Amino acid sequence: MSFNKTLWPNLLEKALMKVYGGYKIRKLSPSSIVYNLTGWPPEKINLLNEDRNKLWENIYTGINNGEAIFILTSQDSLQESVIGIKSNSYYSILEAIQINDVKYLLLKNTYPNYYSGSNCERTSFKIWNDNLRKQCHFTNKNIFDSSVFWIEFNEIFLHFSVVDFNWCTKNYASKMMLFDIWKIEDIKNEYKQDFFSLKDNPQYFISFNIPKNYRIPFVEFKIIVSKLPAKHEDELMEDFLAIHLFSTKNFETIKYKENFLLKGFYLNDNHYTLRIRMDAASFLQQQTNYIIVLSSKGRKTDLKYSITLFSTCEIKSFTKINFNYQKTKNMEINLLKGISSGGNPLSPFFYRNYQYVMRFDPPDVTNSGASLKISLTGNASDSVNLFVFQHQYCKRFYLLPQNTISVY
């Protein structure tokens, strides 16, 4: 039973440990746990390199609008008895206020019986009096909770190293998810070649559609790669994953490690998140598609994972680029010279065109996606058009169907 004699926290803890494969697992980040409980996209920021004004704007907006959860991780080797903050521990951010151009955060210590935050309040605030307590909603000292304390915003950069946060999914209009598996033999080969080329890494194509009535001034999308539950031994491995983001005009394979839109860093965590935000007008002007590329180091078993895409606008396409074509079929076609086969889709002789039916087995992994590559070879003087469309019947077409998906 928990301290207030309720059973559900213990059951929830046991369920989480079941998901992660037991209690003997490596330390989990707070944002990963919140993501598993709520589905809110996780993100982690190193305070050493973060812009303070931007971070304050995110915290203030997220907390006061009820749209985000923030958790700070304290630094190692702190003078705990002096400042009242436990080293390498988690502190939740409960409130964010600004008084006379000074910014304050209300923190909750997850170890209430360890150290009192009042020491931190005395050292953080230049003027910590009854008037300031009143503005910070602390009017009754008799019910003051020593595990809850105020700290000036700039002070967190002295005592804390990382902030984990999760944003509410209501801010995203679209969501798509893919499941995939990366075989260990492919990972080992990729690790050897990754220094020179990315062509054999798992790659995924993303495109968006912004309607004319889109009213948000920015476009934001998040990419989350989640490792599916594995055994305890696998969790303890030095298993690092990175995501690289590229912009592209076409559906093509990224081959070389150059022209990154965003170069990822290797992270040993259950969830890996990339967040992209840009001005909506610039996004519309660029009309750019995106390709994400996975890279792994230290993995010793098959990697089973999911990729979740959140977006403030409509997701037009999210599919895997299958560059390792397992099956091929070659056909030799001898077109009759000097005779038109009705290449124009509006021509009454369109039925004379060469027409072929292709049928495929479903992919091995559900929702992993599949791709088709068609290559035409011929003389440079030949004029050949290729139309591709989906249809459920095997028959000759006299007119081009409405659902044509590609025209070359």
Protein backbone atom coordinates (compact mmCIF):
# COMPACT_ATOMS: atom_id res chain seq x y z
CA MET A 1 0.00 0.00 0.00
CA SER A 2 1.13 3.60 -0.60
CA PHE A 3 1.57 6.15 2.20
CA ASN A 4 -2.07 7.31 2.02
CA LYS A 5 -3.42 3.74 1.93
CA THR A 6 -4.42 3.76 -1.74
CA LEU A 7 -3.66 0.78 -3.94
CA TRP A 8 -3.69 2.17 -7.49
CA PRO A 9 -0.16 3.74 -7.41
CA ASN A 10 1.33 0.35 -6.56
CA LEU A 11 -0.62 -1.39 -9.33
CA LEU A 12 0.43 1.29 -11.81
CA GLU A 13 4.07 0.92 -10.77
CA LYS A 14 3.91 -2.86 -11.22
CA ALA A 15 2.30 -2.47 -14.66
CA LEU A 16 5.07 -0.09 -15.76
CA MET A 17 7.77 -2.46 -14.55
CA LYS A 18 6.05 -5.23 -16.50
CA VAL A 19 6.27 -3.11 -19.64
CA TYR A 20 9.97 -2.40 -19.08
CA GLY A 21 10.84 -6.01 -18.24
CA GLY A 22 11.28 -5.87 -14.45
CA TYR A 23 12.65 -3.74 -11.63
CA LYS A 24 16.30 -4.37 -12.48
CA ILE A 25 16.45 -1.92 -15.36
CA ARG A 26 18.57 1.11 -16.07
CA LYS A 27 17.35 4.51 -14.96
CA LEU A 28 14.41 5.79 -16.99
CA SER A 29 13.93 9.44 -17.89
CA PRO A 30 10.83 11.13 -16.39
CA SER A 31 9.53 12.16 -19.82
CA SER A 32 9.61 8.52 -20.99
CA ILE A 33 7.47 7.44 -18.05
CA VAL A 34 4.99 10.31 -18.57
CA TYR A 35 4.81 9.42 -22.28
CA ASN A 36 3.90 5.82 -21.47
CA LEU A 37 1.22 6.99 -19.03
CA THR A 38 -0.34 9.85 -21.00
CA GLY A 39 0.79 9.59 -24.63
CA TRP A 40 2.10 13.18 -24.45
CA PRO A 41 5.23 13.50 -26.64
CA PRO A 42 8.45 13.52 -24.57
CA GLU A 43 11.40 15.85 -24.94
CA LYS A 44 14.64 16.46 -23.04
CA ILE A 45 16.80 19.60 -22.94
CA ASN A 46 20.30 20.13 -21.59
CA LEU A 47 20.18 23.34 -19.56
CA LEU A 48 23.82 24.08 -20.29
CA ASN A 49 23.11 24.85 -23.95
CA GLU A 50 19.53 26.11 -23.82
CA ASP A 51 18.38 29.65 -24.54
CA ARG A 52 16.96 30.96 -21.25
CA ASN A 53 14.33 33.26 -22.73
CA LYS A 54 13.00 30.52 -24.98
CA LEU A 55 12.95 28.01 -22.12
CA TRP A 56 11.07 30.42 -19.84
CA GLU A 57 8.49 31.09 -22.56
CA ASN A 58 7.89 27.34 -22.97
CA ILE A 59 7.64 26.71 -19.22
CA TYR A 60 5.43 29.74 -18.52
CA THR A 61 3.07 28.96 -21.41
CA GLY A 62 2.93 25.23 -20.79
CA ILE A 63 2.35 25.45 -17.03
CA ASN A 64 -0.21 28.28 -17.02
CA ASN A 65 -2.20 26.86 -19.95
CA GLY A 66 -2.12 23.34 -18.54
CA GLU A 67 -0.52 22.05 -21.74
CA ALA A 68 2.75 20.56 -20.48
CA ILE A 69 4.52 18.74 -17.65
CA PHE A 70 8.07 19.78 -16.69
CA ILE A 71 10.53 17.86 -14.48
CA LEU A 72 14.03 19.06 -13.56
CA THR A 73 17.00 16.77 -12.86
CA SER A 74 19.48 18.13 -10.32
CA GLN A 75 23.23 18.10 -10.89
CA ASP A 76 25.66 15.62 -9.34
CA SER A 77 27.72 16.44 -6.22
CA LEU A 78 25.66 19.35 -4.92
CA GLN A 79 26.15 20.80 -1.44
CA GLU A 80 22.85 19.28 -0.38
CA SER A 81 22.77 20.40 3.25
CA VAL A 82 23.54 23.99 2.25
CA ILE A 83 21.17 24.59 -0.67
CA GLY A 84 18.54 22.00 0.25
CA ILE A 85 18.53 20.21 -3.11
CA LYS A 86 19.30 16.50 -3.41
CA SER A 87 21.89 15.57 -6.02
CA ASN A 88 20.83 13.67 -9.13
CA SER A 89 17.12 13.81 -8.24
CA TYR A 90 13.85 14.83 -9.87
CA TYR A 91 11.89 18.03 -9.11
CA SER A 92 8.50 18.77 -10.67
CA ILE A 93 7.64 22.32 -11.75
CA LEU A 94 4.22 23.21 -10.31
CA GLU A 95 3.92 26.94 -11.05
CA ALA A 96 5.65 29.66 -13.04
CA ILE A 97 5.06 33.36 -12.26
CA GLN A 98 6.73 36.68 -12.99
CA ILE A 99 6.82 39.55 -10.44
CA ASN A 100 8.46 42.88 -11.27
CA ASP A 101 10.44 41.39 -14.17
CA VAL A 102 11.74 38.59 -11.94
CA LYS A 103 10.79 35.01 -12.82
CA TYR A 104 10.01 32.35 -10.21
CA LEU A 105 9.31 28.62 -10.29
CA LEU A 106 7.50 26.52 -7.69
CA LEU A 107 9.22 23.13 -7.39
CA LYS A 108 8.10 19.88 -5.78
CA ASN A 109 10.76 17.64 -4.25
CA THR A 110 10.12 13.95 -4.93
CA TYR A 111 12.09 13.16 -1.75
CA PRO A 112 10.09 15.20 0.82
CA ASN A 113 11.77 13.65 3.83
CA TYR A 114 15.30 14.22 2.60
CA TYR A 115 15.98 17.96 2.44
CA SER A 116 13.84 21.03 2.92
CA GLY A 117 13.59 23.47 0.04
CA SER A 118 13.42 26.40 2.44
CA ASN A 119 17.22 26.61 2.34
CA CYS A 120 17.02 27.02 -1.41
CA GLU A 121 14.40 29.75 -1.00
CA ARG A 122 16.60 31.75 1.35
CA THR A 123 19.62 31.54 -0.94
CA SER A 124 17.70 32.09 -4.17
CA PHE A 125 15.60 35.12 -3.20
CA LYS A 126 17.27 38.45 -2.53
CA ILE A 127 14.10 39.70 -0.80
CA TRP A 128 12.02 36.82 0.56
CA ASN A 129 9.38 38.43 2.80
CA ASP A 130 5.71 38.10 3.64
CA ASN A 131 4.65 40.32 0.75
CA LEU A 132 6.48 38.13 -1.76
CA ARG A 133 5.09 35.00 -0.10
CA LYS A 134 1.60 36.45 -0.53
CA GLN A 135 2.12 37.05 -4.24
CA CYS A 136 3.43 33.50 -4.50
CA HIS A 137 0.31 32.12 -2.74
CA PHE A 138 2.20 31.22 0.47
CA THR A 139 0.18 33.05 3.12
CA ASN A 140 -0.04 30.42 5.86
CA LYS A 141 3.37 29.34 7.14
CA ASN A 142 1.83 26.74 9.45
CA ILE A 143 0.77 24.57 6.50
CA PHE A 144 3.93 25.19 4.52
CA ASP A 145 5.06 21.97 2.82
CA SER A 146 8.85 21.71 3.10
CA SER A 147 8.94 19.56 -0.05
CA VAL A 148 7.46 22.44 -2.07
CA PHE A 149 9.54 25.58 -2.48
CA TRP A 150 10.06 28.60 -4.73
CA ILE A 151 13.24 29.30 -6.64
CA GLU A 152 14.27 32.10 -8.96
CA PHE A 153 14.29 30.93 -12.57
CA ASN A 154 17.95 31.81 -13.22
CA GLU A 155 18.99 29.72 -10.20
CA ILE A 156 17.94 26.45 -11.82
CA PHE A 157 20.91 26.74 -14.19
CA LEU A 158 23.21 26.56 -11.15
CA HIS A 159 21.66 23.49 -9.52
CA PHE A 160 20.00 21.51 -12.32
CA SER A 161 21.35 19.92 -15.50
CA VAL A 162 18.38 18.62 -17.51
CA VAL A 163 14.69 19.43 -17.94
CA ASP A 164 12.29 16.76 -19.19
CA PHE A 165 8.91 17.84 -20.50
CA ASN A 166 5.82 16.45 -22.23
CA TRP A 167 3.39 18.52 -24.31
CA CYS A 168 -0.34 17.84 -24.50
CA THR A 169 -1.43 16.13 -27.73
CA LYS A 170 -4.42 18.46 -28.20
CA ASN A 171 -2.06 20.95 -29.87
CA TYR A 172 -1.44 18.52 -32.74
CA ALA A 173 -4.01 18.06 -35.48
CA SER A 174 -2.56 14.85 -36.96
CA LYS A 175 -0.85 11.73 -35.71
CA MET A 176 0.54 8.67 -37.52
CA MET A 177 2.52 5.68 -36.28
CA LEU A 178 4.66 3.00 -37.93
CA PHE A 179 6.10 -0.20 -36.48
CA ASP A 180 9.33 -1.70 -37.78
CA ILE A 181 12.21 -4.02 -36.97
CA TRP A 182 15.92 -3.54 -37.69
CA LYS A 183 17.70 -6.88 -37.91
CA ILE A 184 20.97 -7.18 -36.03
CA GLU A 185 22.85 -8.34 -39.11
CA ASP A 186 21.78 -5.15 -40.89
CA ILE A 187 22.71 -3.03 -37.86
CA LYS A 188 26.21 -4.51 -37.78
CA ASN A 189 26.70 -3.85 -41.48
CA GLU A 190 25.32 -0.33 -41.05
CA TYR A 191 27.69 0.36 -38.18
CA LYS A 192 30.65 -0.45 -40.41
CA GLN A 193 29.39 1.67 -43.31
CA ASP A 194 27.68 4.49 -41.43
CA PHE A 195 30.87 6.53 -41.34
CA PHE A 196 30.86 6.71 -45.16
CA SER A 197 27.23 6.36 -46.22
CA LEU A 198 23.65 6.27 -44.91
CA LYS A 199 22.13 4.46 -47.86
CA ASP A 200 21.57 1.20 -45.92
CA ASN A 201 20.02 2.81 -42.83
CA PRO A 202 16.24 2.73 -42.21
CA GLN A 203 14.74 5.81 -43.85
CA TYR A 204 11.23 7.28 -43.78
CA PHE A 205 9.57 9.82 -46.06
CA ILE A 206 7.31 12.57 -44.64
CA SER A 207 5.18 15.15 -46.44
CA PHE A 208 2.56 17.59 -45.15
CA ASN A 209 -0.47 19.41 -46.46
CA ILE A 210 -1.42 22.86 -45.14
CA PRO A 211 -5.01 23.87 -45.99
CA LYS A 212 -5.91 27.40 -47.00
CA ASN A 213 -7.79 27.95 -43.73
CA TYR A 214 -4.74 27.08 -41.60
CA ARG A 215 -4.72 29.77 -38.90
CA ILE A 216 -1.76 28.83 -36.68
CA PRO A 217 1.23 31.16 -37.33
CA PHE A 218 3.71 28.27 -37.16
CA VAL A 219 4.05 24.65 -38.27
CA GLU A 220 5.40 22.15 -35.77
CA PHE A 221 5.93 18.42 -35.99
CA LYS A 222 7.51 15.89 -33.63
CA ILE A 223 9.13 12.58 -34.48
CA ILE A 224 9.36 10.03 -31.66
CA VAL A 225 11.23 6.74 -32.01
CA SER A 226 10.33 4.34 -29.20
CA LYS A 227 12.14 1.11 -28.55
CA LEU A 228 9.65 -1.63 -27.85
CA PRO A 229 9.99 -3.54 -24.55
CA ALA A 230 13.01 -5.82 -24.42
CA LYS A 231 14.60 -8.19 -21.92
CA HIS A 232 16.57 -6.93 -18.94
CA GLU A 233 19.93 -7.93 -20.41
CA ASP A 234 19.17 -5.99 -23.56
CA GLU A 235 18.22 -2.85 -21.63
CA LEU A 236 21.60 -2.76 -19.89
CA MET A 237 23.58 -2.70 -23.14
CA GLU A 238 25.33 0.37 -24.44
CA ASP A 239 22.55 0.86 -26.95
CA PHE A 240 22.62 4.29 -28.62
CA LEU A 241 20.26 5.62 -31.25
CA ALA A 242 20.27 8.82 -33.33
CA ILE A 243 17.82 10.38 -35.80
CA HIS A 244 18.99 12.57 -38.67
CA LEU A 245 16.58 14.84 -40.57
CA PHE A 246 16.94 15.87 -44.22
CA SER A 247 14.83 18.04 -46.50
CA THR A 248 14.10 16.80 -50.01
CA LYS A 249 11.98 17.58 -53.04
CA ASN A 250 11.59 13.95 -54.11
CA PHE A 251 10.95 10.50 -52.73
CA GLU A 252 14.56 9.36 -52.71
CA THR A 253 17.18 7.60 -50.60
CA ILE A 254 19.66 9.65 -48.57
CA LYS A 255 23.12 8.32 -49.35
CA TYR A 256 25.67 10.64 -47.81
CA LYS A 257 26.10 12.38 -44.46
CA GLU A 258 25.85 15.91 -45.78
CA ASN A 259 23.27 18.69 -46.10
CA PHE A 260 21.61 17.81 -42.79
CA LEU A 261 18.56 19.82 -41.88
CA LEU A 262 19.08 18.56 -38.34
CA LYS A 263 21.91 16.25 -37.32
CA GLY A 264 20.91 14.06 -34.39
CA PHE A 265 23.06 13.05 -31.45
CA TYR A 266 23.30 9.52 -30.03
CA LEU A 267 21.10 8.90 -27.00
CA ASN A 268 20.68 5.85 -24.80
CA ASP A 269 17.01 6.13 -23.89
CA ASN A 270 13.71 4.38 -24.57
CA HIS A 271 12.37 7.35 -26.52
CA TYR A 272 14.12 9.64 -28.96
CA THR A 273 12.39 12.89 -29.94
CA LEU A 274 12.97 15.48 -32.66
CA ARG A 275 10.90 18.68 -32.70
CA ILE A 276 10.78 21.02 -35.70
CA ARG A 277 9.00 24.39 -35.67
CA MET A 278 9.01 27.03 -38.39
CA ASP A 279 6.99 29.97 -39.57
CA ALA A 280 3.88 28.85 -41.52
CA ALA A 281 4.51 31.31 -44.37
CA SER A 282 8.07 30.04 -44.84
CA PHE A 283 6.87 26.46 -44.67
CA LEU A 284 4.31 27.08 -47.43
CA GLN A 285 6.87 28.83 -49.60
CA GLN A 286 9.43 26.03 -49.35
CA GLN A 287 6.98 23.18 -50.10
CA THR A 288 9.60 20.78 -48.74
CA ASN A 289 9.33 17.10 -47.90
CA TYR A 290 11.41 15.40 -45.23
CA ILE A 291 13.33 12.19 -44.74
CA ILE A 292 14.40 10.84 -41.35
CA VAL A 293 17.31 8.41 -41.12
CA LEU A 294 18.02 6.15 -38.13
CA SER A 295 21.52 5.35 -36.92
CA SER A 296 22.47 2.85 -34.19
CA LYS A 297 25.62 2.15 -32.17
CA GLY A 298 26.31 -0.62 -29.69
CA ARG A 299 23.18 -2.65 -30.42
CA LYS A 300 23.63 -6.44 -30.05
CA THR A 301 20.12 -7.73 -30.80
CA ASP A 302 17.30 -6.97 -33.23
CA LEU A 303 15.82 -3.51 -32.68
CA LYS A 304 12.03 -3.46 -32.54
CA TYR A 305 10.69 0.07 -32.53
CA SER A 306 7.81 2.37 -33.38
CA ILE A 307 7.93 5.80 -34.99
CA THR A 308 5.20 8.28 -34.05
CA LEU A 309 4.67 11.50 -35.96
CA PHE A 310 2.72 14.42 -34.44
CA SER A 311 1.93 17.50 -36.54
CA THR A 312 -0.04 20.74 -36.22
CA CYS A 313 -1.05 20.38 -39.89
CA GLU A 314 -2.30 17.47 -41.97
CA ILE A 315 0.16 14.62 -42.59
CA LYS A 316 0.00 13.83 -46.29
CA SER A 317 2.44 10.91 -46.37
CA PHE A 318 4.47 8.97 -43.82
CA THR A 319 6.04 5.80 -45.18
CA LYS A 320 9.23 3.79 -45.15
CA ILE A 321 11.67 4.03 -48.04
CA ASN A 322 12.41 0.41 -48.92
CA PHE A 323 15.70 0.55 -50.78
CA ASN A 324 16.55 -3.13 -50.30
CA TYR A 325 14.36 -4.64 -52.99
CA GLN A 326 14.14 -8.37 -52.30
CA LYS A 327 12.30 -9.35 -55.48
CA THR A 328 12.73 -8.11 -59.02
CA LYS A 329 11.07 -8.93 -62.30
CA ASN A 330 12.35 -7.86 -65.70
CA MET A 331 10.19 -7.59 -68.82
CA GLU A 332 11.33 -6.84 -72.35
CA ILE A 333 8.96 -4.71 -74.41
CA ASN A 334 9.37 -4.00 -78.12
CA LEU A 335 7.25 -1.01 -79.05
CA LEU A 336 6.14 -0.76 -82.66
CA LYS A 337 7.95 2.13 -84.29
CA GLY A 338 5.89 4.80 -86.00
CA ILE A 339 2.62 3.64 -84.47
CA SER A 340 1.04 5.73 -81.71
CA SER A 341 -0.45 3.72 -78.87
CA GLY A 342 -2.64 6.55 -77.63
CA GLY A 343 -0.31 7.89 -74.98
CA ASN A 344 -2.58 10.85 -74.26
CA PRO A 345 -4.95 9.85 -71.42
CA LEU A 346 -7.80 11.68 -73.23
CA SER A 347 -7.15 9.89 -76.50
CA PRO A 348 -9.82 7.42 -77.73
CA PHE A 349 -6.91 5.05 -78.46
CA PHE A 350 -5.72 5.01 -74.88
CA TYR A 351 -6.70 1.33 -74.59
CA ARG A 352 -3.83 0.46 -76.99
CA ASN A 353 -1.27 1.26 -74.30
CA TYR A 354 0.71 -1.56 -72.75
CA GLN A 355 -0.94 -2.34 -69.42
CA TYR A 356 0.39 -4.50 -66.58
CA VAL A 357 -1.04 -5.71 -63.29
CA MET A 358 1.18 -5.97 -60.21
CA ARG A 359 0.17 -7.80 -57.03
CA PHE A 360 2.18 -7.85 -53.79
CA ASP A 361 2.23 -9.76 -50.55
CA PRO A 362 1.85 -7.67 -47.37
CA PRO A 363 5.10 -6.64 -45.58
CA ASP A 364 6.49 -8.78 -42.75
CA VAL A 365 5.93 -6.02 -40.16
CA THR A 366 2.46 -4.54 -39.74
CA ASN A 367 2.19 -0.88 -40.83
CA SER A 368 5.88 -0.83 -41.77
CA GLY A 369 5.02 0.29 -45.30
CA ALA A 370 6.32 -0.89 -48.66
CA SER A 371 7.67 0.78 -51.77
CA LEU A 372 7.69 -0.03 -55.47
CA LYS A 373 10.49 0.87 -57.85
CA ILE A 374 9.89 0.83 -61.61
CA SER A 375 12.76 1.47 -64.02
CA LEU A 376 12.40 2.06 -67.76
CA THR A 377 15.35 1.73 -70.11
CA GLY A 378 15.33 2.66 -73.76
CA ASN A 379 16.70 4.93 -76.42
CA ALA A 380 17.10 8.61 -75.68
CA SER A 381 14.86 9.46 -78.63
CA ASP A 382 11.93 7.42 -77.27
CA SER A 383 9.00 9.32 -75.78
CA VAL A 384 7.37 7.17 -73.12
CA ASN A 385 4.92 8.11 -70.36
CA LEU A 386 4.25 5.93 -67.32
CA PHE A 387 0.97 6.06 -65.40
CA VAL A 388 0.57 4.27 -62.07
CA PHE A 389 -2.74 3.81 -60.26
CA GLN A 390 -4.41 1.51 -57.77
CA HIS A 391 -7.34 -0.70 -58.68
CA GLN A 392 -8.96 -3.84 -57.32
CA TYR A 393 -9.86 -5.43 -60.66
CA CYS A 394 -7.67 -7.01 -63.33
CA LYS A 395 -8.95 -5.55 -66.59
CA ARG A 396 -7.91 -3.36 -69.51
CA PHE A 397 -8.61 0.33 -69.05
CA TYR A 398 -9.96 2.55 -71.80
CA LEU A 399 -9.64 5.77 -69.79
CA LEU A 400 -7.18 6.85 -67.12
CA PRO A 401 -8.77 6.22 -63.67
CA GLN A 402 -9.36 9.09 -61.29
CA ASN A 403 -7.14 7.59 -58.57
CA THR A 404 -3.89 7.83 -60.52
CA ILE A 405 -1.15 8.30 -57.91
CA SER A 406 1.89 8.97 -60.11
CA VAL A 407 2.54 10.34 -63.57
CA TYR A 408 6.00 10.30 -65.21
